[in-house]
Amino acid sequence: MLKGFREFLMRGNVIDLAVAVVIGAAFTAVVNGFTASLIDPIINKLVGGGVNGAGVTVLGITFDFAILINALITFIITAAVVYFVFVLPMQKITARYAKEKEIELEDSEKTVQLLEEIRDALKAQAKD
């Protein structure tokens, strides 16, 4: 049971996932800081100025739309970085690996064909 668990952990997928989660969390903190310190003040200034520039107060409750816009911008930036830094390179590596496997398969098929020809030639020689 523990051997199977150890193989599962060492397979690579779990370690890659753990690294991705840690990097994702760190990057999200950076993007949150960027949007909170640069984008949020710009949004508030554009829609009316002040600290609560993008907020609407209804019955004493303030709805801050800058937070929603900030979250959307954070999501878009994070998704774009994950795609261009992790997904796209991984797709290229996977495609290259598949192409190499295909070449290896073709080479092995050619090798088998040559070995069969040699076998048949040796059989024909032995009959003579």
N, C-alpha and C. Protein backbone atom coordinates (compact mmCIF):
# COMPACT_ATOMS: atom_id res chain seq x y z
N MET A 1 0.83 -1.20 0.00
CA MET A 1 0.00 0.00 0.00
C MET A 1 0.87 1.26 0.00
N LEU A 2 1.86 1.30 0.87
CA LEU A 2 2.73 2.47 0.91
C LEU A 2 3.60 2.56 -0.33
N LYS A 3 3.96 1.39 -0.89
CA LYS A 3 4.76 1.40 -2.11
C LYS A 3 3.99 2.04 -3.26
N GLY A 4 2.70 1.69 -3.37
CA GLY A 4 1.86 2.28 -4.41
C GLY A 4 1.70 3.77 -4.21
N PHE A 5 1.55 4.20 -2.96
CA PHE A 5 1.42 5.63 -2.66
C PHE A 5 2.69 6.37 -3.02
N ARG A 6 3.83 5.75 -2.69
CA ARG A 6 5.12 6.38 -3.01
C ARG A 6 5.30 6.49 -4.53
N GLU A 7 4.92 5.45 -5.28
CA GLU A 7 5.00 5.50 -6.74
C GLU A 7 4.09 6.58 -7.30
N PHE A 8 2.91 6.72 -6.69
CA PHE A 8 1.97 7.77 -7.11
C PHE A 8 2.60 9.15 -6.92
N LEU A 9 3.22 9.36 -5.77
CA LEU A 9 3.83 10.66 -5.49
C LEU A 9 5.03 10.93 -6.39
N MET A 10 5.80 9.89 -6.69
CA MET A 10 7.02 10.08 -7.45
C MET A 10 6.78 10.02 -8.96
N ARG A 11 5.56 9.75 -9.38
CA ARG A 11 5.25 9.66 -10.80
C ARG A 11 5.57 10.96 -11.51
N GLY A 12 5.49 12.07 -10.83
CA GLY A 12 5.80 13.36 -11.44
C GLY A 12 4.59 14.26 -11.53
N ASN A 13 3.43 13.69 -11.76
CA ASN A 13 2.23 14.51 -11.90
C ASN A 13 1.91 15.25 -10.61
N VAL A 14 2.04 14.58 -9.48
CA VAL A 14 1.72 15.21 -8.20
C VAL A 14 2.71 16.32 -7.89
N ILE A 15 3.96 16.06 -8.17
CA ILE A 15 4.99 17.08 -7.90
C ILE A 15 4.77 18.28 -8.81
N ASP A 16 4.48 18.04 -10.08
CA ASP A 16 4.19 19.14 -11.01
C ASP A 16 2.99 19.95 -10.55
N LEU A 17 1.97 19.24 -10.08
CA LEU A 17 0.77 19.92 -9.60
C LEU A 17 1.08 20.77 -8.38
N ALA A 18 1.87 20.24 -7.46
CA ALA A 18 2.23 20.99 -6.25
C ALA A 18 3.01 22.25 -6.61
N VAL A 19 3.95 22.13 -7.53
CA VAL A 19 4.72 23.29 -7.96
C VAL A 19 3.80 24.31 -8.62
N ALA A 20 2.87 23.84 -9.44
CA ALA A 20 1.95 24.76 -10.12
C ALA A 20 1.07 25.50 -9.12
N VAL A 21 0.61 24.81 -8.08
CA VAL A 21 -0.23 25.46 -7.07
C VAL A 21 0.56 26.54 -6.33
N VAL A 22 1.77 26.21 -5.95
CA VAL A 22 2.59 27.18 -5.21
C VAL A 22 2.91 28.39 -6.09
N ILE A 23 3.31 28.14 -7.33
CA ILE A 23 3.61 29.25 -8.24
C ILE A 23 2.35 30.07 -8.52
N GLY A 24 1.23 29.37 -8.71
CA GLY A 24 -0.04 30.07 -8.96
C GLY A 24 -0.44 30.96 -7.80
N ALA A 25 -0.26 30.47 -6.58
CA ALA A 25 -0.61 31.27 -5.41
C ALA A 25 0.30 32.49 -5.30
N ALA A 26 1.59 32.30 -5.53
CA ALA A 26 2.53 33.42 -5.46
C ALA A 26 2.23 34.45 -6.56
N PHE A 27 1.94 33.97 -7.75
CA PHE A 27 1.65 34.88 -8.84
C PHE A 27 0.34 35.62 -8.61
N THR A 28 -0.64 34.93 -8.05
CA THR A 28 -1.91 35.59 -7.73
C THR A 28 -1.71 36.72 -6.74
N ALA A 29 -0.83 36.52 -5.77
CA ALA A 29 -0.52 37.59 -4.81
C ALA A 29 0.09 38.79 -5.52
N VAL A 30 0.97 38.54 -6.47
CA VAL A 30 1.60 39.64 -7.23
C VAL A 30 0.55 40.38 -8.05
N VAL A 31 -0.32 39.63 -8.74
CA VAL A 31 -1.34 40.26 -9.56
C VAL A 31 -2.34 41.02 -8.69
N ASN A 32 -2.70 40.46 -7.54
CA ASN A 32 -3.60 41.18 -6.63
C ASN A 32 -2.99 42.50 -6.18
N GLY A 33 -1.71 42.48 -5.85
CA GLY A 33 -1.03 43.71 -5.46
C GLY A 33 -1.00 44.72 -6.60
N PHE A 34 -0.74 44.24 -7.80
CA PHE A 34 -0.71 45.11 -8.98
C PHE A 34 -2.06 45.76 -9.21
N THR A 35 -3.12 44.95 -9.21
CA THR A 35 -4.44 45.50 -9.49
C THR A 35 -4.94 46.39 -8.35
N ALA A 36 -4.62 46.03 -7.11
CA ALA A 36 -5.08 46.84 -5.98
C ALA A 36 -4.36 48.19 -5.93
N SER A 37 -3.06 48.20 -6.28
CA SER A 37 -2.31 49.45 -6.16
C SER A 37 -2.34 50.30 -7.42
N LEU A 38 -2.52 49.71 -8.59
CA LEU A 38 -2.50 50.49 -9.82
C LEU A 38 -3.85 50.57 -10.52
N ILE A 39 -4.50 49.45 -10.70
CA ILE A 39 -5.74 49.43 -11.47
C ILE A 39 -6.92 49.97 -10.67
N ASP A 40 -7.03 49.57 -9.41
CA ASP A 40 -8.16 50.01 -8.58
C ASP A 40 -8.26 51.53 -8.46
N PRO A 41 -7.16 52.25 -8.17
CA PRO A 41 -7.26 53.71 -8.12
C PRO A 41 -7.67 54.33 -9.46
N ILE A 42 -7.20 53.74 -10.56
CA ILE A 42 -7.58 54.27 -11.88
C ILE A 42 -9.07 54.09 -12.10
N ILE A 43 -9.59 52.90 -11.77
CA ILE A 43 -11.04 52.64 -11.93
C ILE A 43 -11.85 53.61 -11.08
N ASN A 44 -11.44 53.79 -9.83
CA ASN A 44 -12.17 54.70 -8.94
C ASN A 44 -12.13 56.14 -9.47
N LYS A 45 -11.00 56.54 -10.01
CA LYS A 45 -10.88 57.90 -10.53
C LYS A 45 -11.75 58.09 -11.77
N LEU A 46 -11.81 57.06 -12.63
CA LEU A 46 -12.58 57.17 -13.86
C LEU A 46 -14.09 57.23 -13.62
N VAL A 47 -14.56 56.56 -12.59
CA VAL A 47 -16.01 56.50 -12.37
C VAL A 47 -16.50 57.48 -11.31
N GLY A 48 -15.68 58.37 -10.87
CA GLY A 48 -16.22 59.36 -9.96
C GLY A 48 -15.26 59.86 -8.92
N GLY A 49 -14.10 59.29 -8.83
CA GLY A 49 -13.08 59.77 -7.91
C GLY A 49 -13.30 59.31 -6.49
N GLY A 50 -12.31 59.56 -5.68
CA GLY A 50 -12.39 59.20 -4.27
C GLY A 50 -12.07 57.74 -4.03
N VAL A 51 -12.07 57.38 -2.75
CA VAL A 51 -11.76 56.01 -2.35
C VAL A 51 -12.85 55.06 -2.81
N ASN A 52 -14.09 55.46 -2.68
CA ASN A 52 -15.21 54.62 -3.09
C ASN A 52 -15.82 55.14 -4.39
N GLY A 53 -14.98 55.50 -5.33
CA GLY A 53 -15.45 56.10 -6.57
C GLY A 53 -16.34 55.19 -7.38
N ALA A 54 -16.09 53.89 -7.35
CA ALA A 54 -16.89 52.96 -8.14
C ALA A 54 -17.97 52.29 -7.29
N GLY A 55 -18.21 52.84 -6.12
CA GLY A 55 -19.20 52.24 -5.23
C GLY A 55 -20.54 52.94 -5.29
N VAL A 56 -21.58 52.15 -5.04
CA VAL A 56 -22.94 52.68 -4.97
C VAL A 56 -23.49 52.30 -3.61
N THR A 57 -24.08 53.28 -2.91
CA THR A 57 -24.65 53.00 -1.60
C THR A 57 -26.16 52.92 -1.71
N VAL A 58 -26.71 51.79 -1.28
CA VAL A 58 -28.15 51.57 -1.28
C VAL A 58 -28.54 51.10 0.11
N LEU A 59 -29.42 51.87 0.78
CA LEU A 59 -29.89 51.55 2.12
C LEU A 59 -28.73 51.33 3.09
N GLY A 60 -27.71 52.13 2.94
CA GLY A 60 -26.57 52.06 3.85
C GLY A 60 -25.56 50.98 3.51
N ILE A 61 -25.80 50.24 2.46
CA ILE A 61 -24.87 49.20 2.03
C ILE A 61 -24.13 49.69 0.80
N THR A 62 -22.79 49.62 0.84
CA THR A 62 -21.99 50.08 -0.28
C THR A 62 -21.60 48.89 -1.16
N PHE A 63 -21.95 49.00 -2.42
CA PHE A 63 -21.56 48.00 -3.42
C PHE A 63 -20.40 48.58 -4.21
N ASP A 64 -19.23 47.99 -4.02
CA ASP A 64 -18.01 48.50 -4.65
C ASP A 64 -17.73 47.72 -5.93
N PHE A 65 -18.05 48.33 -7.07
CA PHE A 65 -17.85 47.67 -8.35
C PHE A 65 -16.38 47.61 -8.74
N ALA A 66 -15.55 48.43 -8.13
CA ALA A 66 -14.12 48.40 -8.41
C ALA A 66 -13.53 47.06 -7.98
N ILE A 67 -14.06 46.50 -6.91
CA ILE A 67 -13.57 45.19 -6.45
C ILE A 67 -13.90 44.12 -7.49
N LEU A 68 -15.09 44.17 -8.06
CA LEU A 68 -15.47 43.20 -9.10
C LEU A 68 -14.61 43.37 -10.34
N ILE A 69 -14.44 44.59 -10.78
CA ILE A 69 -13.60 44.85 -11.95
C ILE A 69 -12.16 44.42 -11.68
N ASN A 70 -11.70 44.71 -10.46
CA ASN A 70 -10.36 44.31 -10.04
C ASN A 70 -10.22 42.79 -10.10
N ALA A 71 -11.22 42.06 -9.61
CA ALA A 71 -11.17 40.59 -9.63
C ALA A 71 -11.17 40.06 -11.07
N LEU A 72 -11.95 40.68 -11.94
CA LEU A 72 -11.97 40.25 -13.34
C LEU A 72 -10.62 40.47 -14.01
N ILE A 73 -10.02 41.62 -13.76
CA ILE A 73 -8.71 41.91 -14.33
C ILE A 73 -7.66 40.95 -13.78
N THR A 74 -7.73 40.66 -12.48
CA THR A 74 -6.81 39.70 -11.87
C THR A 74 -6.95 38.33 -12.52
N PHE A 75 -8.20 37.90 -12.74
CA PHE A 75 -8.44 36.61 -13.36
C PHE A 75 -7.88 36.57 -14.78
N ILE A 76 -8.12 37.61 -15.55
CA ILE A 76 -7.66 37.63 -16.94
C ILE A 76 -6.13 37.61 -17.01
N ILE A 77 -5.48 38.41 -16.16
CA ILE A 77 -4.02 38.44 -16.16
C ILE A 77 -3.46 37.09 -15.74
N THR A 78 -4.02 36.51 -14.67
CA THR A 78 -3.55 35.22 -14.18
C THR A 78 -3.76 34.13 -15.23
N ALA A 79 -4.94 34.10 -15.84
CA ALA A 79 -5.23 33.09 -16.86
C ALA A 79 -4.29 33.23 -18.06
N ALA A 80 -4.02 34.47 -18.46
CA ALA A 80 -3.13 34.69 -19.60
C ALA A 80 -1.71 34.21 -19.29
N VAL A 81 -1.22 34.53 -18.11
CA VAL A 81 0.14 34.11 -17.74
C VAL A 81 0.20 32.59 -17.63
N VAL A 82 -0.79 31.96 -17.02
CA VAL A 82 -0.79 30.50 -16.91
C VAL A 82 -0.79 29.88 -18.30
N TYR A 83 -1.59 30.43 -19.20
CA TYR A 83 -1.65 29.88 -20.56
C TYR A 83 -0.31 30.04 -21.29
N PHE A 84 0.23 31.27 -21.29
CA PHE A 84 1.42 31.52 -22.08
C PHE A 84 2.70 30.99 -21.44
N VAL A 85 2.72 30.85 -20.12
CA VAL A 85 3.94 30.39 -19.45
C VAL A 85 3.92 28.87 -19.22
N PHE A 86 2.74 28.30 -18.98
CA PHE A 86 2.68 26.87 -18.66
C PHE A 86 2.03 26.03 -19.75
N VAL A 87 0.82 26.39 -20.17
CA VAL A 87 0.04 25.54 -21.06
C VAL A 87 0.65 25.49 -22.46
N LEU A 88 0.91 26.62 -23.06
CA LEU A 88 1.43 26.66 -24.42
C LEU A 88 2.78 25.95 -24.55
N PRO A 89 3.76 26.24 -23.67
CA PRO A 89 5.02 25.48 -23.77
C PRO A 89 4.83 23.97 -23.56
N MET A 90 3.93 23.61 -22.64
CA MET A 90 3.69 22.18 -22.40
C MET A 90 3.08 21.51 -23.62
N GLN A 91 2.19 22.21 -24.32
CA GLN A 91 1.61 21.67 -25.55
C GLN A 91 2.69 21.46 -26.61
N LYS A 92 3.61 22.42 -26.72
CA LYS A 92 4.69 22.30 -27.70
C LYS A 92 5.61 21.13 -27.35
N ILE A 93 5.92 20.99 -26.06
CA ILE A 93 6.78 19.88 -25.63
C ILE A 93 6.09 18.54 -25.89
N THR A 94 4.80 18.47 -25.58
CA THR A 94 4.04 17.24 -25.80
C THR A 94 3.98 16.90 -27.28
N ALA A 95 3.77 17.90 -28.12
CA ALA A 95 3.73 17.65 -29.57
C ALA A 95 5.08 17.17 -30.08
N ARG A 96 6.15 17.77 -29.58
CA ARG A 96 7.48 17.36 -29.99
C ARG A 96 7.76 15.93 -29.54
N TYR A 97 7.36 15.61 -28.31
CA TYR A 97 7.55 14.26 -27.77
C TYR A 97 6.77 13.24 -28.59
N ALA A 98 5.54 13.58 -28.97
CA ALA A 98 4.72 12.68 -29.78
C ALA A 98 5.35 12.48 -31.14
N LYS A 99 5.92 13.53 -31.72
CA LYS A 99 6.58 13.42 -33.02
C LYS A 99 7.81 12.52 -32.91
N GLU A 100 8.58 12.68 -31.83
CA GLU A 100 9.75 11.83 -31.63
C GLU A 100 9.34 10.37 -31.47
N LYS A 101 8.25 10.13 -30.74
CA LYS A 101 7.73 8.77 -30.57
C LYS A 101 7.32 8.19 -31.92
N GLU A 102 6.68 9.02 -32.74
CA GLU A 102 6.26 8.58 -34.07
C GLU A 102 7.47 8.21 -34.92
N ILE A 103 8.52 9.01 -34.85
CA ILE A 103 9.74 8.72 -35.60
C ILE A 103 10.37 7.43 -35.10
N GLU A 104 10.40 7.26 -33.76
CA GLU A 104 10.94 6.03 -33.20
C GLU A 104 10.13 4.82 -33.65
N LEU A 105 8.81 4.97 -33.70
CA LEU A 105 7.95 3.88 -34.13
C LEU A 105 8.23 3.54 -35.60
N GLU A 106 8.36 4.56 -36.44
CA GLU A 106 8.68 4.33 -37.85
C GLU A 106 10.03 3.63 -37.99
N ASP A 107 11.02 4.09 -37.19
CA ASP A 107 12.35 3.47 -37.23
C ASP A 107 12.28 2.01 -36.79
N SER A 108 11.51 1.74 -35.75
CA SER A 108 11.41 0.36 -35.27
C SER A 108 10.68 -0.51 -36.29
N GLU A 109 9.68 0.05 -36.98
CA GLU A 109 8.99 -0.71 -38.02
C GLU A 109 9.94 -1.01 -39.18
N LYS A 110 10.78 -0.05 -39.56
CA LYS A 110 11.77 -0.27 -40.61
C LYS A 110 12.78 -1.33 -40.18
N THR A 111 13.19 -1.28 -38.91
CA THR A 111 14.13 -2.27 -38.40
C THR A 111 13.53 -3.67 -38.46
N VAL A 112 12.29 -3.80 -38.05
CA VAL A 112 11.61 -5.10 -38.11
C VAL A 112 11.53 -5.58 -39.54
N GLN A 113 11.19 -4.69 -40.45
CA GLN A 113 11.09 -5.06 -41.86
C GLN A 113 12.44 -5.53 -42.39
N LEU A 114 13.52 -4.81 -42.05
CA LEU A 114 14.86 -5.21 -42.49
C LEU A 114 15.26 -6.56 -41.89
N LEU A 115 14.96 -6.74 -40.62
CA LEU A 115 15.28 -8.02 -39.98
C LEU A 115 14.51 -9.17 -40.63
N GLU A 116 13.26 -8.93 -41.00
CA GLU A 116 12.49 -9.97 -41.69
C GLU A 116 13.09 -10.28 -43.05
N GLU A 117 13.53 -9.25 -43.76
CA GLU A 117 14.17 -9.48 -45.06
C GLU A 117 15.46 -10.29 -44.90
N ILE A 118 16.24 -9.95 -43.87
CA ILE A 118 17.49 -10.69 -43.61
C ILE A 118 17.17 -12.14 -43.27
N ARG A 119 16.15 -12.36 -42.43
CA ARG A 119 15.74 -13.71 -42.07
C ARG A 119 15.33 -14.50 -43.31
N ASP A 120 14.51 -13.88 -44.14
CA ASP A 120 14.06 -14.57 -45.34
C ASP A 120 15.24 -14.87 -46.28
N ALA A 121 16.18 -13.94 -46.38
CA ALA A 121 17.36 -14.17 -47.22
C ALA A 121 18.20 -15.31 -46.67
N LEU A 122 18.36 -15.37 -45.35
CA LEU A 122 19.14 -16.46 -44.75
C LEU A 122 18.44 -17.80 -44.94
N LYS A 123 17.11 -17.82 -44.85
CA LYS A 123 16.35 -19.06 -45.09
C LYS A 123 16.53 -19.52 -46.54
N ALA A 124 16.48 -18.56 -47.45
CA ALA A 124 16.65 -18.90 -48.86
C ALA A 124 18.05 -19.42 -49.13
N GLN A 125 19.05 -18.84 -48.46
CA GLN A 125 20.43 -19.28 -48.62
C GLN A 125 20.61 -20.69 -48.05
N ALA A 126 19.96 -20.97 -46.93
CA ALA A 126 20.09 -22.27 -46.29
C ALA A 126 19.48 -23.36 -47.14
N LYS A 127 18.43 -23.07 -47.89
CA LYS A 127 17.77 -24.04 -48.76
C LYS A 127 18.63 -24.38 -49.96
N ASP A 128 19.48 -23.45 -50.41
CA ASP A 128 20.31 -23.67 -51.59
C ASP A 128 21.47 -24.52 -51.28
